[in-house]
Amino acid sequence: MTSLTVTTSARAELVDITDRVQRLVFESGVKDGLCHVWVPHTTAGLTVNENADPDIARDLLAGLDRIAPWDAGYAHGEGNSAAHIKSSLVGCEKTLIVREGKLALGTWQGLYFCEFDGPRERQVWVRLAPC
């Protein structure tokens, strides 16, 4: 397993980590297999979505804010229940196919680390398995 550090600069942001994970795939030498990516945080997540237009990331965060607003009177004492809800909705793991030494993503797809309770320094764990 390999760990990446992601430093975020806002309460909520999407950080494109596609190139960093692809570099790990290349360095591993895995040509065909699976790349499992995991976030060990309860207020963060991972998503695969369009990475060509930065408005998509802003729209995703705005949509999640409408679903789980920060000021909804939650019972959790830390005051970050909205972040926990968003993490649960998005999920904390992705399994990606590796084909010919590359992440098998669609033309417009990228892998994003989703920060919902930043800014923070976070970890992303990556495990590669040849098939």
N, C-alpha and C. Protein backbone atom coordinates (compact mmCIF):
# COMPACT_ATOMS: atom_id res chain seq x y z
N MET A 1 0.84 -1.18 0.00
CA MET A 1 0.00 0.00 0.00
C MET A 1 0.89 1.24 0.00
N THR A 2 0.44 2.25 -0.73
CA THR A 2 1.13 3.53 -0.79
C THR A 2 0.18 4.60 -0.28
N SER A 3 0.75 5.62 0.34
CA SER A 3 -0.05 6.71 0.86
C SER A 3 0.32 8.01 0.16
N LEU A 4 -0.70 8.77 -0.23
CA LEU A 4 -0.50 10.11 -0.77
C LEU A 4 -1.00 11.11 0.26
N THR A 5 -0.33 12.23 0.37
CA THR A 5 -0.79 13.31 1.22
C THR A 5 -1.45 14.36 0.34
N VAL A 6 -2.65 14.76 0.73
CA VAL A 6 -3.38 15.81 0.02
C VAL A 6 -3.61 16.94 1.02
N THR A 7 -3.12 18.12 0.69
CA THR A 7 -3.32 19.29 1.52
C THR A 7 -4.39 20.15 0.89
N THR A 8 -5.45 20.41 1.66
CA THR A 8 -6.55 21.20 1.13
C THR A 8 -6.50 22.61 1.70
N SER A 9 -7.15 23.54 1.01
CA SER A 9 -7.06 24.94 1.42
C SER A 9 -8.42 25.59 1.68
N ALA A 10 -9.49 24.80 1.63
CA ALA A 10 -10.82 25.35 1.86
C ALA A 10 -11.65 24.34 2.64
N ARG A 11 -12.78 24.80 3.16
CA ARG A 11 -13.66 23.88 3.89
C ARG A 11 -14.12 22.78 2.96
N ALA A 12 -14.51 23.13 1.75
CA ALA A 12 -14.96 22.14 0.78
C ALA A 12 -14.26 22.39 -0.55
N GLU A 13 -13.64 21.36 -1.07
CA GLU A 13 -13.01 21.46 -2.39
C GLU A 13 -12.79 20.08 -2.97
N LEU A 14 -12.70 20.03 -4.28
CA LEU A 14 -12.36 18.80 -4.98
C LEU A 14 -10.96 18.97 -5.55
N VAL A 15 -10.09 18.03 -5.23
CA VAL A 15 -8.70 18.07 -5.68
C VAL A 15 -8.49 16.93 -6.67
N ASP A 16 -8.11 17.26 -7.88
CA ASP A 16 -7.87 16.24 -8.91
C ASP A 16 -6.56 15.52 -8.58
N ILE A 17 -6.67 14.23 -8.26
CA ILE A 17 -5.48 13.44 -7.90
C ILE A 17 -5.17 12.40 -8.98
N THR A 18 -5.79 12.53 -10.13
CA THR A 18 -5.62 11.55 -11.21
C THR A 18 -4.15 11.35 -11.55
N ASP A 19 -3.42 12.42 -11.81
CA ASP A 19 -2.02 12.31 -12.22
C ASP A 19 -1.16 11.67 -11.14
N ARG A 20 -1.44 11.99 -9.89
CA ARG A 20 -0.64 11.41 -8.80
C ARG A 20 -0.86 9.91 -8.69
N VAL A 21 -2.12 9.48 -8.83
CA VAL A 21 -2.41 8.05 -8.76
C VAL A 21 -1.86 7.36 -10.01
N GLN A 22 -1.97 7.99 -11.16
CA GLN A 22 -1.42 7.40 -12.39
C GLN A 22 0.09 7.21 -12.26
N ARG A 23 0.77 8.16 -11.62
CA ARG A 23 2.21 8.03 -11.41
C ARG A 23 2.52 6.80 -10.57
N LEU A 24 1.70 6.54 -9.54
CA LEU A 24 1.89 5.34 -8.72
C LEU A 24 1.69 4.07 -9.54
N VAL A 25 0.71 4.09 -10.43
CA VAL A 25 0.47 2.94 -11.32
C VAL A 25 1.72 2.70 -12.17
N PHE A 26 2.24 3.75 -12.77
CA PHE A 26 3.43 3.63 -13.61
C PHE A 26 4.62 3.08 -12.81
N GLU A 27 4.85 3.65 -11.63
CA GLU A 27 5.98 3.23 -10.80
C GLU A 27 5.83 1.80 -10.30
N SER A 28 4.62 1.32 -10.18
CA SER A 28 4.38 -0.05 -9.69
C SER A 28 4.73 -1.10 -10.72
N GLY A 29 4.66 -0.73 -11.99
CA GLY A 29 4.89 -1.69 -13.06
C GLY A 29 3.68 -2.55 -13.39
N VAL A 30 2.55 -2.33 -12.72
CA VAL A 30 1.34 -3.09 -13.02
C VAL A 30 0.84 -2.68 -14.40
N LYS A 31 0.68 -3.66 -15.27
CA LYS A 31 0.20 -3.39 -16.63
C LYS A 31 -1.31 -3.59 -16.74
N ASP A 32 -1.80 -4.66 -16.13
CA ASP A 32 -3.24 -4.94 -16.13
C ASP A 32 -3.62 -5.38 -14.72
N GLY A 33 -4.63 -4.71 -14.17
CA GLY A 33 -5.03 -5.05 -12.81
C GLY A 33 -6.04 -4.08 -12.27
N LEU A 34 -5.98 -3.92 -10.95
CA LEU A 34 -6.91 -3.04 -10.25
C LEU A 34 -6.14 -2.07 -9.38
N CYS A 35 -6.68 -0.87 -9.28
CA CYS A 35 -6.13 0.17 -8.42
C CYS A 35 -7.23 0.54 -7.44
N HIS A 36 -7.02 0.18 -6.17
CA HIS A 36 -8.01 0.49 -5.14
C HIS A 36 -7.53 1.73 -4.39
N VAL A 37 -8.39 2.73 -4.31
CA VAL A 37 -8.06 4.00 -3.66
C VAL A 37 -9.02 4.19 -2.49
N TRP A 38 -8.47 4.52 -1.33
CA TRP A 38 -9.24 4.58 -0.09
C TRP A 38 -8.88 5.85 0.67
N VAL A 39 -9.89 6.49 1.25
CA VAL A 39 -9.68 7.67 2.09
C VAL A 39 -10.07 7.30 3.52
N PRO A 40 -9.11 7.33 4.47
CA PRO A 40 -9.40 6.93 5.84
C PRO A 40 -9.91 8.08 6.71
N HIS A 41 -10.83 8.86 6.17
CA HIS A 41 -11.36 10.02 6.89
C HIS A 41 -12.89 10.01 6.79
N THR A 42 -13.57 10.39 7.86
CA THR A 42 -15.04 10.37 7.87
C THR A 42 -15.67 11.65 7.35
N THR A 43 -14.84 12.63 6.99
CA THR A 43 -15.38 13.88 6.44
C THR A 43 -14.73 14.22 5.10
N ALA A 44 -14.34 13.18 4.37
CA ALA A 44 -13.75 13.34 3.05
C ALA A 44 -14.22 12.18 2.19
N GLY A 45 -13.90 12.22 0.92
CA GLY A 45 -14.33 11.14 0.03
C GLY A 45 -13.58 11.14 -1.28
N LEU A 46 -14.06 10.31 -2.19
CA LEU A 46 -13.49 10.19 -3.53
C LEU A 46 -14.62 10.13 -4.54
N THR A 47 -14.39 10.73 -5.69
CA THR A 47 -15.36 10.62 -6.78
C THR A 47 -14.63 10.62 -8.11
N VAL A 48 -15.24 9.99 -9.09
CA VAL A 48 -14.76 10.04 -10.47
C VAL A 48 -15.77 10.89 -11.22
N ASN A 49 -15.27 11.93 -11.87
CA ASN A 49 -16.16 12.81 -12.61
C ASN A 49 -15.36 13.58 -13.64
N GLU A 50 -16.03 14.45 -14.35
CA GLU A 50 -15.38 15.22 -15.42
C GLU A 50 -14.28 16.10 -14.84
N ASN A 51 -13.13 16.09 -15.52
CA ASN A 51 -12.03 16.96 -15.08
C ASN A 51 -11.61 17.95 -16.16
N ALA A 52 -12.43 18.15 -17.18
CA ALA A 52 -12.11 19.10 -18.24
C ALA A 52 -12.64 20.50 -17.94
N ASP A 53 -13.72 20.60 -17.22
CA ASP A 53 -14.36 21.88 -16.93
C ASP A 53 -14.42 22.08 -15.42
N PRO A 54 -13.69 23.07 -14.88
CA PRO A 54 -13.68 23.29 -13.44
C PRO A 54 -15.05 23.66 -12.86
N ASP A 55 -15.98 24.09 -13.70
CA ASP A 55 -17.32 24.40 -13.21
C ASP A 55 -18.03 23.16 -12.68
N ILE A 56 -17.67 21.98 -13.19
CA ILE A 56 -18.29 20.74 -12.71
C ILE A 56 -18.00 20.55 -11.23
N ALA A 57 -16.74 20.74 -10.82
CA ALA A 57 -16.38 20.58 -9.40
C ALA A 57 -17.15 21.57 -8.54
N ARG A 58 -17.25 22.81 -8.98
CA ARG A 58 -18.00 23.82 -8.23
C ARG A 58 -19.48 23.42 -8.14
N ASP A 59 -20.03 22.93 -9.25
CA ASP A 59 -21.44 22.53 -9.25
C ASP A 59 -21.69 21.34 -8.34
N LEU A 60 -20.76 20.37 -8.33
CA LEU A 60 -20.92 19.22 -7.44
C LEU A 60 -20.94 19.66 -5.98
N LEU A 61 -20.00 20.53 -5.61
CA LEU A 61 -19.97 21.01 -4.23
C LEU A 61 -21.22 21.80 -3.89
N ALA A 62 -21.70 22.63 -4.81
CA ALA A 62 -22.92 23.40 -4.56
C ALA A 62 -24.13 22.48 -4.40
N GLY A 63 -24.20 21.43 -5.21
CA GLY A 63 -25.29 20.47 -5.10
C GLY A 63 -25.27 19.74 -3.77
N LEU A 64 -24.08 19.34 -3.34
CA LEU A 64 -23.96 18.68 -2.04
C LEU A 64 -24.32 19.63 -0.89
N ASP A 65 -23.99 20.91 -1.05
CA ASP A 65 -24.38 21.90 -0.03
C ASP A 65 -25.89 22.04 0.07
N ARG A 66 -26.58 21.90 -1.05
CA ARG A 66 -28.05 21.97 -1.00
C ARG A 66 -28.63 20.74 -0.31
N ILE A 67 -27.99 19.59 -0.50
CA ILE A 67 -28.46 18.35 0.13
C ILE A 67 -28.15 18.34 1.63
N ALA A 68 -26.94 18.79 1.98
CA ALA A 68 -26.50 18.78 3.39
C ALA A 68 -25.87 20.14 3.72
N PRO A 69 -26.72 21.14 4.00
CA PRO A 69 -26.19 22.47 4.34
C PRO A 69 -25.51 22.47 5.71
N TRP A 70 -24.57 23.39 5.90
CA TRP A 70 -23.83 23.46 7.14
C TRP A 70 -24.70 23.87 8.32
N ASP A 71 -25.70 24.67 8.10
CA ASP A 71 -26.47 25.26 9.20
C ASP A 71 -27.86 24.64 9.34
N ALA A 72 -27.93 23.32 9.33
CA ALA A 72 -29.23 22.63 9.38
C ALA A 72 -29.62 22.16 10.78
N GLY A 73 -28.93 22.61 11.80
CA GLY A 73 -29.31 22.27 13.17
C GLY A 73 -29.05 20.83 13.56
N TYR A 74 -27.93 20.28 13.11
CA TYR A 74 -27.57 18.90 13.43
C TYR A 74 -27.24 18.74 14.92
N ALA A 75 -27.36 17.54 15.45
CA ALA A 75 -27.10 17.27 16.86
C ALA A 75 -25.61 17.07 17.18
N HIS A 76 -24.82 16.64 16.22
CA HIS A 76 -23.39 16.34 16.43
C HIS A 76 -22.66 17.57 16.97
N GLY A 77 -22.00 17.42 18.10
CA GLY A 77 -21.39 18.53 18.80
C GLY A 77 -20.22 19.20 18.10
N GLU A 78 -19.52 18.50 17.23
CA GLU A 78 -18.38 19.10 16.54
C GLU A 78 -18.78 20.13 15.50
N GLY A 79 -20.04 20.09 15.08
CA GLY A 79 -20.51 21.06 14.10
C GLY A 79 -20.16 20.74 12.66
N ASN A 80 -19.75 19.51 12.39
CA ASN A 80 -19.37 19.15 11.02
C ASN A 80 -20.22 17.99 10.46
N SER A 81 -21.44 17.89 10.91
CA SER A 81 -22.32 16.82 10.42
C SER A 81 -22.53 16.89 8.93
N ALA A 82 -22.59 18.09 8.37
CA ALA A 82 -22.75 18.22 6.92
C ALA A 82 -21.61 17.51 6.19
N ALA A 83 -20.40 17.61 6.72
CA ALA A 83 -19.24 16.94 6.11
C ALA A 83 -19.37 15.43 6.21
N HIS A 84 -19.86 14.93 7.33
CA HIS A 84 -20.06 13.48 7.49
C HIS A 84 -21.12 12.97 6.50
N ILE A 85 -22.18 13.73 6.34
CA ILE A 85 -23.24 13.33 5.39
C ILE A 85 -22.70 13.30 3.97
N LYS A 86 -21.96 14.33 3.58
CA LYS A 86 -21.40 14.40 2.22
C LYS A 86 -20.43 13.25 1.97
N SER A 87 -19.61 12.93 2.97
CA SER A 87 -18.69 11.81 2.84
C SER A 87 -19.45 10.50 2.62
N SER A 88 -20.53 10.32 3.36
CA SER A 88 -21.33 9.11 3.21
C SER A 88 -21.99 9.04 1.84
N LEU A 89 -22.45 10.17 1.33
CA LEU A 89 -23.08 10.20 0.01
C LEU A 89 -22.09 9.90 -1.12
N VAL A 90 -20.91 10.50 -1.02
CA VAL A 90 -19.90 10.35 -2.08
C VAL A 90 -19.18 9.01 -1.96
N GLY A 91 -18.87 8.61 -0.74
CA GLY A 91 -18.13 7.37 -0.51
C GLY A 91 -16.65 7.64 -0.33
N CYS A 92 -15.98 6.68 0.29
CA CYS A 92 -14.57 6.87 0.63
C CYS A 92 -13.64 5.95 -0.14
N GLU A 93 -14.15 5.28 -1.18
CA GLU A 93 -13.26 4.39 -1.94
C GLU A 93 -13.70 4.29 -3.38
N LYS A 94 -12.71 4.01 -4.23
CA LYS A 94 -12.94 3.74 -5.65
C LYS A 94 -11.99 2.63 -6.07
N THR A 95 -12.49 1.74 -6.90
CA THR A 95 -11.64 0.73 -7.53
C THR A 95 -11.62 1.02 -9.01
N LEU A 96 -10.43 1.26 -9.53
CA LEU A 96 -10.25 1.61 -10.93
C LEU A 96 -9.51 0.49 -11.66
N ILE A 97 -9.87 0.28 -12.89
CA ILE A 97 -9.20 -0.71 -13.73
C ILE A 97 -7.89 -0.13 -14.26
N VAL A 98 -6.85 -0.96 -14.25
CA VAL A 98 -5.58 -0.60 -14.88
C VAL A 98 -5.46 -1.44 -16.14
N ARG A 99 -5.28 -0.75 -17.25
CA ARG A 99 -5.15 -1.44 -18.54
C ARG A 99 -3.94 -0.86 -19.27
N GLU A 100 -3.04 -1.74 -19.66
CA GLU A 100 -1.82 -1.35 -20.37
C GLU A 100 -1.04 -0.28 -19.61
N GLY A 101 -0.99 -0.43 -18.27
CA GLY A 101 -0.20 0.46 -17.44
C GLY A 101 -0.84 1.81 -17.14
N LYS A 102 -2.10 1.98 -17.50
CA LYS A 102 -2.78 3.26 -17.28
C LYS A 102 -4.13 3.05 -16.62
N LEU A 103 -4.55 4.05 -15.85
CA LEU A 103 -5.90 4.02 -15.31
C LEU A 103 -6.88 4.04 -16.47
N ALA A 104 -7.84 3.14 -16.45
CA ALA A 104 -8.81 3.03 -17.55
C ALA A 104 -9.98 3.98 -17.26
N LEU A 105 -9.74 5.25 -17.50
CA LEU A 105 -10.76 6.27 -17.30
C LEU A 105 -11.29 6.74 -18.64
N GLY A 106 -12.51 7.22 -18.66
CA GLY A 106 -13.08 7.78 -19.88
C GLY A 106 -12.38 9.08 -20.26
N THR A 107 -12.65 9.54 -21.46
CA THR A 107 -11.99 10.71 -22.02
C THR A 107 -12.01 11.91 -21.08
N TRP A 108 -13.13 12.16 -20.44
CA TRP A 108 -13.28 13.36 -19.62
C TRP A 108 -13.20 13.06 -18.13
N GLN A 109 -12.90 11.83 -17.74
CA GLN A 109 -12.94 11.47 -16.33
C GLN A 109 -11.62 11.72 -15.60
N GLY A 110 -11.76 12.09 -14.34
CA GLY A 110 -10.64 12.23 -13.45
C GLY A 110 -11.05 11.74 -12.07
N LEU A 111 -10.05 11.45 -11.24
CA LEU A 111 -10.27 11.00 -9.86
C LEU A 111 -10.06 12.19 -8.93
N TYR A 112 -11.06 12.48 -8.13
CA TYR A 112 -11.01 13.62 -7.22
C TYR A 112 -11.02 13.19 -5.77
N PHE A 113 -10.15 13.81 -4.98
CA PHE A 113 -10.25 13.77 -3.53
C PHE A 113 -11.26 14.84 -3.15
N CYS A 114 -12.23 14.49 -2.32
CA CYS A 114 -13.29 15.41 -1.93
C CYS A 114 -13.10 15.84 -0.48
N GLU A 115 -12.79 17.08 -0.28
CA GLU A 115 -12.65 17.64 1.07
C GLU A 115 -13.98 18.26 1.47
N PHE A 116 -14.47 17.87 2.64
CA PHE A 116 -15.73 18.41 3.13
C PHE A 116 -15.60 19.10 4.49
N ASP A 117 -14.40 19.08 5.10
CA ASP A 117 -14.22 19.66 6.43
C ASP A 117 -12.81 20.20 6.58
N GLY A 118 -12.37 20.97 5.61
CA GLY A 118 -11.01 21.48 5.61
C GLY A 118 -10.95 22.90 6.13
N PRO A 119 -9.80 23.51 5.91
CA PRO A 119 -8.62 22.92 5.27
C PRO A 119 -7.89 21.97 6.22
N ARG A 120 -7.31 20.95 5.61
CA ARG A 120 -6.59 19.92 6.38
C ARG A 120 -5.51 19.28 5.52
N GLU A 121 -4.69 18.49 6.19
CA GLU A 121 -3.77 17.59 5.50
C GLU A 121 -4.38 16.20 5.63
N ARG A 122 -4.60 15.55 4.50
CA ARG A 122 -5.31 14.26 4.47
C ARG A 122 -4.44 13.19 3.83
N GLN A 123 -4.86 11.96 4.03
CA GLN A 123 -4.18 10.81 3.42
C GLN A 123 -5.11 10.12 2.44
N VAL A 124 -4.52 9.62 1.38
CA VAL A 124 -5.20 8.78 0.42
C VAL A 124 -4.35 7.53 0.28
N TRP A 125 -4.96 6.38 0.49
CA TRP A 125 -4.23 5.12 0.42
C TRP A 125 -4.52 4.46 -0.93
N VAL A 126 -3.46 3.93 -1.54
CA VAL A 126 -3.58 3.31 -2.86
C VAL A 126 -2.96 1.92 -2.81
N ARG A 127 -3.70 0.93 -3.30
CA ARG A 127 -3.17 -0.42 -3.40
C ARG A 127 -3.40 -0.91 -4.83
N LEU A 128 -2.35 -1.43 -5.43
CA LEU A 128 -2.40 -1.93 -6.79
C LEU A 128 -2.26 -3.45 -6.79
N ALA A 129 -3.07 -4.08 -7.63
CA ALA A 129 -3.04 -5.54 -7.71
C ALA A 129 -3.08 -5.95 -9.18
N PRO A 130 -2.05 -6.68 -9.62
CA PRO A 130 -2.08 -7.18 -10.99
C PRO A 130 -3.13 -8.26 -11.15
N CYS A 131 -3.69 -8.37 -12.34
CA CYS A 131 -4.67 -9.43 -12.63
C CYS A 131 -4.17 -10.23 -13.82
